[in-house]
Each structure stands twice: as structure tokens, then as C-alpha cells.
Amino acid sequence: MQENSYLILGLKSDATLQEVENAYKNLKEKYQIQCFEEGEMGSLGAKMLSKIKIAYNDCIEDIKKREIIGDGSIYDAIKNLIKDGKLNEAQALLDNVEPRDGEWHYTQANIFYRRNWFLESKTQVEMALTHDPNNSNYLNTLEILKRQQFKVDDELKAARQSRAGYEQPRETGGSIGGGLCTYCASCLLCNAICYFCI
């Protein structure tokens, strides 16, 4: 948000959506007329049109953010969005939060976890711990993620050991392959046809 966006529109920082829209409409009409004047006045009108458009967009975004956050903190609003499964909205809010401290990384870990991005989630919890190494919540979450990673690794290892991920061949029941999988049976059939075509 550019500095003094509300002031550019002639408003206070707690202005309502209706006040922002009215102020923008009035200023836009004023500067659109000024744009057609010759010389420096026309140039100033064009610059001001651009400036009030940016201010308007900034104010609208700020008002939407205020409505989402309500009386709580930005992190409370993000947690509620995560709970509701609105991960894109939660991520958009989190991307605008500064500074990126331990709580920021922990919240990012929660979003990643809900997206089933476990490795990325674990990395974010580790980053949160660099900011707050004694936080028991971060430490407990990291342990849970490590256990989950071992579980996933074990499942992958078992799948690889089970015939390198291939299924057992299925019986084709009286077909030309006589016990071969469908693919092998069709290859034998194609070879036989090609042999007879020669």
C-alpha cells in the first residue's frame, strides 16, 4: 500500500468502502476534465488520475483485509481461513505479512501441511525454530512431521520392494497367452501376425 493512500483520496484511515468509492468517483471526474487542458495542467491531471487509481485500489484492499481480520490479529484471520479450507486466501494474506518471524513460518507450515506438502511444511517449521528455538509448539510439530516423513518413506520403500512397483501378472483365462499378462499376450499375438504376413 502506498503511503497516504487514504489522504490522497482526502479520507481518514478508518474510511468505509462507500466513502472510498464516493471520493474516488468525485476525484476521477475532476481529473478527467483536467486531463484535456493544455500544457502542465493536463499533464498534472493525467498524473493525478493514475495516483488516485492506485490509492483507490490500495484502500479497497485494506478495507477487505480489515473485514477479514475483524477485531483479531492477522494470524487469527489466516488460521480461520486455513480451518475453512480457503488456502489460497490464507496464502494471499500471509504473503503480505511482515516481518517473517517464527509465527509467519509456522503459519506457512500449516498451509503447506493442508496442501499435503509435508517436506515443505517440515522445512518451514525448522525455519520457525531458528527464530524461536524453545517454542514447544514448534518442537512438537516438528517431531510429528518427522514421524510422518518416516512413515511415508517406509511406505515408499515397501512399494519399491514389492516387485519394483509392478503388479503381479493376471491370468488371461484361456487366451493365447495362457498365464501371461495382457501386454505380453498381445505382444506374442502381434509377433505371430507379423510372422504370418511375411
C-alpha atoms as a PDB file:
ATOM      1  CA  MET A   1       0.000   0.000   0.000  1.00  0.00           C
ATOM      2  CA  GLN A   2       1.456   3.349  -0.997  1.00  0.00           C
ATOM      3  CA  GLU A   3       1.935   5.812   1.819  1.00  0.00           C
ATOM      4  CA  ASN A   4      -1.041   8.095   2.498  1.00  0.00           C
ATOM      5  CA  SER A   5      -3.436   6.326   0.101  1.00  0.00           C
ATOM      6  CA  TYR A   6      -6.382   7.469   2.207  1.00  0.00           C
ATOM      7  CA  LEU A   7      -5.001  11.017   2.330  1.00  0.00           C
ATOM      8  CA  ILE A   8      -4.677  11.095  -1.478  1.00  0.00           C
ATOM      9  CA  LEU A   9      -8.414  10.453  -1.611  1.00  0.00           C
ATOM     10  CA  GLY A  10      -8.983  13.049   1.134  1.00  0.00           C
ATOM     11  CA  LEU A  11     -10.065  10.466   3.716  1.00  0.00           C
ATOM     12  CA  LYS A  12      -9.109   9.177   7.162  1.00  0.00           C
ATOM     13  CA  SER A  13      -7.549   5.731   7.547  1.00  0.00           C
ATOM     14  CA  ASP A  14     -10.753   4.265   9.005  1.00  0.00           C
ATOM     15  CA  ALA A  15     -12.894   5.273   5.991  1.00  0.00           C
ATOM     16  CA  THR A  16     -15.678   2.945   4.881  1.00  0.00           C
ATOM     17  CA  LEU A  17     -15.970   1.294   1.491  1.00  0.00           C
ATOM     18  CA  GLN A  18     -18.745   3.715   0.481  1.00  0.00           C
ATOM     19  CA  GLU A  19     -16.639   6.739   1.452  1.00  0.00           C
ATOM     20  CA  VAL A  20     -13.691   5.456  -0.584  1.00  0.00           C
ATOM     21  CA  GLU A  21     -15.863   4.820  -3.630  1.00  0.00           C
ATOM     22  CA  ASN A  22     -17.512   8.257  -3.417  1.00  0.00           C
ATOM     23  CA  ALA A  23     -14.188  10.076  -3.001  1.00  0.00           C
ATOM     24  CA  TYR A  24     -12.647   8.181  -5.923  1.00  0.00           C
ATOM     25  CA  LYS A  25     -15.632   8.915  -8.174  1.00  0.00           C
ATOM     26  CA  ASN A  26     -15.517  12.674  -7.412  1.00  0.00           C
ATOM     27  CA  LEU A  27     -11.746  12.953  -7.879  1.00  0.00           C
ATOM     28  CA  LYS A  28     -11.859  10.893 -11.063  1.00  0.00           C
ATOM     29  CA  GLU A  29     -14.441  13.228 -12.612  1.00  0.00           C
ATOM     30  CA  LYS A  30     -12.357  16.270 -11.608  1.00  0.00           C
ATOM     31  CA  TYR A  31      -9.079  14.986 -13.043  1.00  0.00           C
ATOM     32  CA  GLN A  32     -10.634  13.535 -16.202  1.00  0.00           C
ATOM     33  CA  ILE A  33     -11.787  17.036 -17.118  1.00  0.00           C
ATOM     34  CA  GLN A  34      -8.358  18.454 -16.227  1.00  0.00           C
ATOM     35  CA  CYS A  35      -6.635  15.892 -18.491  1.00  0.00           C
ATOM     36  CA  PHE A  36      -7.999  17.671 -21.563  1.00  0.00           C
ATOM     37  CA  GLU A  37      -6.471  21.028 -20.644  1.00  0.00           C
ATOM     38  CA  GLU A  38      -3.329  22.062 -22.435  1.00  0.00           C
ATOM     39  CA  GLY A  39       0.156  22.181 -21.001  1.00  0.00           C
ATOM     40  CA  GLU A  40       1.150  21.416 -17.471  1.00  0.00           C
ATOM     41  CA  MET A  41      -2.419  21.325 -16.124  1.00  0.00           C
ATOM     42  CA  GLY A  42      -3.334  18.482 -18.493  1.00  0.00           C
ATOM     43  CA  SER A  43      -0.186  16.590 -17.580  1.00  0.00           C
ATOM     44  CA  LEU A  44      -0.904  17.060 -13.866  1.00  0.00           C
ATOM     45  CA  GLY A  45      -4.462  15.805 -14.390  1.00  0.00           C
ATOM     46  CA  ALA A  46      -3.171  12.603 -16.029  1.00  0.00           C
ATOM     47  CA  LYS A  47      -0.668  12.019 -13.209  1.00  0.00           C
ATOM     48  CA  MET A  48      -3.338  12.545 -10.580  1.00  0.00           C
ATOM     49  CA  LEU A  49      -5.711  10.127 -12.321  1.00  0.00           C
ATOM     50  CA  SER A  50      -3.054   7.446 -12.112  1.00  0.00           C
ATOM     51  CA  LYS A  51      -2.268   8.318  -8.490  1.00  0.00           C
ATOM     52  CA  ILE A  52      -5.881   8.219  -7.298  1.00  0.00           C
ATOM     53  CA  LYS A  53      -6.490   4.906  -9.116  1.00  0.00           C
ATOM     54  CA  ILE A  54      -3.580   3.312  -7.219  1.00  0.00           C
ATOM     55  CA  ALA A  55      -4.788   4.891  -3.948  1.00  0.00           C
ATOM     56  CA  TYR A  56      -8.311   3.605  -4.573  1.00  0.00           C
ATOM     57  CA  ASN A  57      -7.078   0.032  -5.175  1.00  0.00           C
ATOM     58  CA  ASP A  58      -4.882   0.188  -2.068  1.00  0.00           C
ATOM     59  CA  CYS A  59      -7.770   1.424   0.090  1.00  0.00           C
ATOM     60  CA  ILE A  60     -10.162  -1.247  -1.219  1.00  0.00           C
ATOM     61  CA  GLU A  61      -7.580  -3.956  -0.480  1.00  0.00           C
ATOM     62  CA  ASP A  62      -7.015  -2.542   3.008  1.00  0.00           C
ATOM     63  CA  ILE A  63     -10.764  -2.450   3.739  1.00  0.00           C
ATOM     64  CA  LYS A  64     -11.178  -6.073   2.603  1.00  0.00           C
ATOM     65  CA  LYS A  65      -8.282  -7.074   4.842  1.00  0.00           C
ATOM     66  CA  ARG A  66      -9.855  -5.214   7.792  1.00  0.00           C
ATOM     67  CA  GLU A  67     -13.147  -7.035   7.193  1.00  0.00           C
ATOM     68  CA  ILE A  68     -11.394 -10.430   7.179  1.00  0.00           C
ATOM     69  CA  ILE A  69      -9.308  -9.705  10.260  1.00  0.00           C
ATOM     70  CA  GLY A  70     -12.064  -8.061  12.292  1.00  0.00           C
ATOM     71  CA  ASP A  71     -11.027  -7.417  15.886  1.00  0.00           C
ATOM     72  CA  GLY A  72      -8.433 -10.216  15.987  1.00  0.00           C
ATOM     73  CA  SER A  73      -4.912 -10.423  14.650  1.00  0.00           C
ATOM     74  CA  ILE A  74      -3.911 -11.171  11.071  1.00  0.00           C
ATOM     75  CA  TYR A  75      -2.762 -14.629  12.176  1.00  0.00           C
ATOM     76  CA  ASP A  76      -6.177 -15.376  13.686  1.00  0.00           C
ATOM     77  CA  ALA A  77      -7.778 -14.474  10.359  1.00  0.00           C
ATOM     78  CA  ILE A  78      -5.320 -16.686   8.464  1.00  0.00           C
ATOM     79  CA  LYS A  79      -5.918 -19.610  10.851  1.00  0.00           C
ATOM     80  CA  ASN A  80      -9.672 -19.286  10.323  1.00  0.00           C
ATOM     81  CA  LEU A  81      -9.195 -19.318   6.552  1.00  0.00           C
ATOM     82  CA  ILE A  82      -6.990 -22.434   6.843  1.00  0.00           C
ATOM     83  CA  LYS A  83      -9.650 -24.121   9.000  1.00  0.00           C
ATOM     84  CA  ASP A  84     -12.272 -23.327   6.360  1.00  0.00           C
ATOM     85  CA  GLY A  85     -10.042 -24.807   3.647  1.00  0.00           C
ATOM     86  CA  LYS A  86      -9.563 -21.410   1.944  1.00  0.00           C
ATOM     87  CA  LEU A  87      -5.857 -21.960   1.442  1.00  0.00           C
ATOM     88  CA  ASN A  88      -5.384 -19.530  -1.452  1.00  0.00           C
ATOM     89  CA  GLU A  89      -6.939 -16.678   0.537  1.00  0.00           C
ATOM     90  CA  ALA A  90      -4.858 -17.617   3.587  1.00  0.00           C
ATOM     91  CA  GLN A  91      -1.688 -17.641   1.480  1.00  0.00           C
ATOM     92  CA  ALA A  92      -2.541 -14.251  -0.059  1.00  0.00           C
ATOM     93  CA  LEU A  93      -2.939 -12.714   3.417  1.00  0.00           C
ATOM     94  CA  LEU A  94       0.224 -14.357   4.735  1.00  0.00           C
ATOM     95  CA  ASP A  95       2.271 -13.141   1.757  1.00  0.00           C
ATOM     96  CA  ASN A  96       1.592  -9.544   2.857  1.00  0.00           C
ATOM     97  CA  VAL A  97       2.608 -10.065   6.495  1.00  0.00           C
ATOM     98  CA  GLU A  98       5.891  -8.581   7.685  1.00  0.00           C
ATOM     99  CA  PRO A  99       8.178  -9.407   9.422  1.00  0.00           C
ATOM    100  CA  ARG A 100       8.631 -13.046   8.536  1.00  0.00           C
ATOM    101  CA  ASP A 101       9.284 -14.296  12.026  1.00  0.00           C
ATOM    102  CA  GLY A 102       8.728 -17.672  13.687  1.00  0.00           C
ATOM    103  CA  GLU A 103       4.955 -17.302  13.694  1.00  0.00           C
ATOM    104  CA  TRP A 104       4.997 -16.459   9.984  1.00  0.00           C
ATOM    105  CA  HIS A 105       6.984 -19.618   9.108  1.00  0.00           C
ATOM    106  CA  TYR A 106       4.824 -21.757  11.398  1.00  0.00           C
ATOM    107  CA  THR A 107       1.668 -20.459   9.719  1.00  0.00           C
ATOM    108  CA  GLN A 108       3.229 -21.137   6.304  1.00  0.00           C
ATOM    109  CA  ALA A 109       3.965 -24.677   7.508  1.00  0.00           C
ATOM    110  CA  ASN A 110       0.274 -25.110   8.349  1.00  0.00           C
ATOM    111  CA  ILE A 111      -0.778 -24.037   4.857  1.00  0.00           C
ATOM    112  CA  PHE A 112       1.754 -26.381   3.268  1.00  0.00           C
ATOM    113  CA  TYR A 113       0.622 -29.231   5.526  1.00  0.00           C
ATOM    114  CA  ARG A 114      -3.003 -28.742   4.470  1.00  0.00           C
ATOM    115  CA  ARG A 115      -1.826 -28.939   0.842  1.00  0.00           C
ATOM    116  CA  ASN A 116      -0.119 -32.280   1.699  1.00  0.00           C
ATOM    117  CA  TRP A 117       3.318 -30.756   1.052  1.00  0.00           C
ATOM    118  CA  PHE A 118       4.917 -32.434   4.059  1.00  0.00           C
ATOM    119  CA  LEU A 119       8.584 -31.824   3.226  1.00  0.00           C
ATOM    120  CA  GLU A 120       7.955 -28.100   2.630  1.00  0.00           C
ATOM    121  CA  SER A 121       5.914 -27.962   5.828  1.00  0.00           C
ATOM    122  CA  LYS A 122       8.760 -29.523   7.809  1.00  0.00           C
ATOM    123  CA  THR A 123      11.234 -27.024   6.324  1.00  0.00           C
ATOM    124  CA  GLN A 124       9.024 -24.105   7.396  1.00  0.00           C
ATOM    125  CA  VAL A 125       8.759 -25.451  10.965  1.00  0.00           C
ATOM    126  CA  GLU A 126      12.555 -25.748  11.073  1.00  0.00           C
ATOM    127  CA  MET A 127      12.781 -22.108   9.931  1.00  0.00           C
ATOM    128  CA  ALA A 128      10.301 -21.117  12.651  1.00  0.00           C
ATOM    129  CA  LEU A 129      12.583 -22.788  15.187  1.00  0.00           C
ATOM    130  CA  THR A 130      15.549 -20.667  14.044  1.00  0.00           C
ATOM    131  CA  HIS A 131      13.557 -17.632  15.236  1.00  0.00           C
ATOM    132  CA  ASP A 132      12.237 -19.246  18.425  1.00  0.00           C
ATOM    133  CA  PRO A 133      14.266 -22.390  19.276  1.00  0.00           C
ATOM    134  CA  ASN A 134      12.495 -23.102  22.581  1.00  0.00           C
ATOM    135  CA  ASN A 135       8.916 -22.883  21.334  1.00  0.00           C
ATOM    136  CA  SER A 136       7.331 -26.156  22.466  1.00  0.00           C
ATOM    137  CA  ASN A 137       4.564 -25.930  19.853  1.00  0.00           C
ATOM    138  CA  TYR A 138       7.107 -25.726  17.025  1.00  0.00           C
ATOM    139  CA  LEU A 139       9.197 -28.555  18.533  1.00  0.00           C
ATOM    140  CA  ASN A 140       6.174 -30.873  18.922  1.00  0.00           C
ATOM    141  CA  THR A 141       5.027 -30.159  15.375  1.00  0.00           C
ATOM    142  CA  LEU A 142       8.498 -30.901  14.019  1.00  0.00           C
ATOM    143  CA  GLU A 143       8.521 -34.282  15.798  1.00  0.00           C
ATOM    144  CA  ILE A 144       5.113 -35.153  14.340  1.00  0.00           C
ATOM    145  CA  LEU A 145       6.288 -34.191  10.844  1.00  0.00           C
ATOM    146  CA  LYS A 146       9.464 -36.257  11.223  1.00  0.00           C
ATOM    147  CA  ARG A 147       7.416 -39.312  12.243  1.00  0.00           C
ATOM    148  CA  GLN A 148       5.077 -38.742   9.330  1.00  0.00           C
ATOM    149  CA  GLN A 149       8.034 -38.476   6.953  1.00  0.00           C
ATOM    150  CA  PHE A 150       9.426 -41.818   8.219  1.00  0.00           C
ATOM    151  CA  LYS A 151       6.004 -43.398   7.713  1.00  0.00           C
ATOM    152  CA  VAL A 152       5.800 -42.112   4.125  1.00  0.00           C
ATOM    153  CA  ASP A 153       9.395 -43.224   3.468  1.00  0.00           C
ATOM    154  CA  ASP A 154       8.601 -46.726   4.797  1.00  0.00           C
ATOM    155  CA  GLU A 155       5.508 -46.973   2.576  1.00  0.00           C
ATOM    156  CA  LEU A 156       7.534 -45.941  -0.482  1.00  0.00           C
ATOM    157  CA  LYS A 157      10.270 -48.434   0.384  1.00  0.00           C
ATOM    158  CA  ALA A 158       7.711 -51.231   0.736  1.00  0.00           C
ATOM    159  CA  ALA A 159       6.147 -50.319  -2.596  1.00  0.00           C
ATOM    160  CA  ARG A 160       9.562 -50.418  -4.308  1.00  0.00           C
ATOM    161  CA  GLN A 161      10.410 -53.801  -2.793  1.00  0.00           C
ATOM    162  CA  SER A 162       7.088 -55.251  -3.945  1.00  0.00           C
ATOM    163  CA  ARG A 163       8.264 -56.251  -7.434  1.00  0.00           C
ATOM    164  CA  ALA A 164       9.670 -52.767  -8.009  1.00  0.00           C
ATOM    165  CA  GLY A 165       6.157 -51.308  -8.049  1.00  0.00           C
ATOM    166  CA  TYR A 166       4.718 -53.667 -10.693  1.00  0.00           C
ATOM    167  CA  GLU A 167       1.581 -55.703 -10.128  1.00  0.00           C
ATOM    168  CA  GLN A 168       1.515 -59.472 -10.348  1.00  0.00           C
ATOM    169  CA  PRO A 169       0.617 -60.645 -13.874  1.00  0.00           C
ATOM    170  CA  ARG A 170      -3.042 -61.563 -14.236  1.00  0.00           C
ATOM    171  CA  GLU A 171      -4.253 -64.841 -15.662  1.00  0.00           C
ATOM    172  CA  THR A 172      -5.933 -64.327 -19.010  1.00  0.00           C
ATOM    173  CA  GLY A 173      -8.065 -67.486 -18.729  1.00  0.00           C
ATOM    174  CA  GLY A 174      -7.769 -69.464 -21.940  1.00  0.00           C
ATOM    175  CA  SER A 175      -6.431 -66.641 -24.075  1.00  0.00           C
ATOM    176  CA  ILE A 176      -3.488 -67.004 -26.393  1.00  0.00           C
ATOM    177  CA  GLY A 177      -1.058 -66.036 -23.639  1.00  0.00           C
ATOM    178  CA  GLY A 178      -2.035 -68.885 -21.289  1.00  0.00           C
ATOM    179  CA  GLY A 179      -0.948 -67.266 -17.998  1.00  0.00           C
ATOM    180  CA  LEU A 180       0.842 -64.222 -19.404  1.00  0.00           C
ATOM    181  CA  CYS A 181      -0.183 -60.682 -18.614  1.00  0.00           C
ATOM    182  CA  THR A 182      -2.353 -58.902 -21.146  1.00  0.00           C
ATOM    183  CA  TYR A 183       0.546 -56.851 -22.521  1.00  0.00           C
ATOM    184  CA  CYS A 184       2.789 -59.879 -23.089  1.00  0.00           C
ATOM    185  CA  ALA A 185      -0.056 -61.834 -24.652  1.00  0.00           C
ATOM    186  CA  SER A 186      -0.782 -59.004 -27.083  1.00  0.00           C
ATOM    187  CA  CYS A 187       2.942 -58.780 -27.993  1.00  0.00           C
ATOM    188  CA  LEU A 188       3.025 -62.515 -28.761  1.00  0.00           C
ATOM    189  CA  LEU A 189      -0.110 -62.148 -30.852  1.00  0.00           C
ATOM    190  CA  CYS A 190       1.386 -59.247 -32.830  1.00  0.00           C
ATOM    191  CA  ASN A 191       4.611 -61.196 -33.435  1.00  0.00           C
ATOM    192  CA  ALA A 192       2.587 -64.178 -34.657  1.00  0.00           C
ATOM    193  CA  ILE A 193       0.557 -61.996 -37.049  1.00  0.00           C
ATOM    194  CA  CYS A 194       3.702 -60.329 -38.402  1.00  0.00           C
ATOM    195  CA  TYR A 195       5.302 -63.775 -38.893  1.00  0.00           C
ATOM    196  CA  PHE A 196       2.365 -64.952 -40.974  1.00  0.00           C
ATOM    197  CA  CYS A 197       2.374 -61.723 -43.055  1.00  0.00           C
ATOM    198  CA  ILE A 198       5.957 -62.287 -44.273  1.00  0.00           C
END
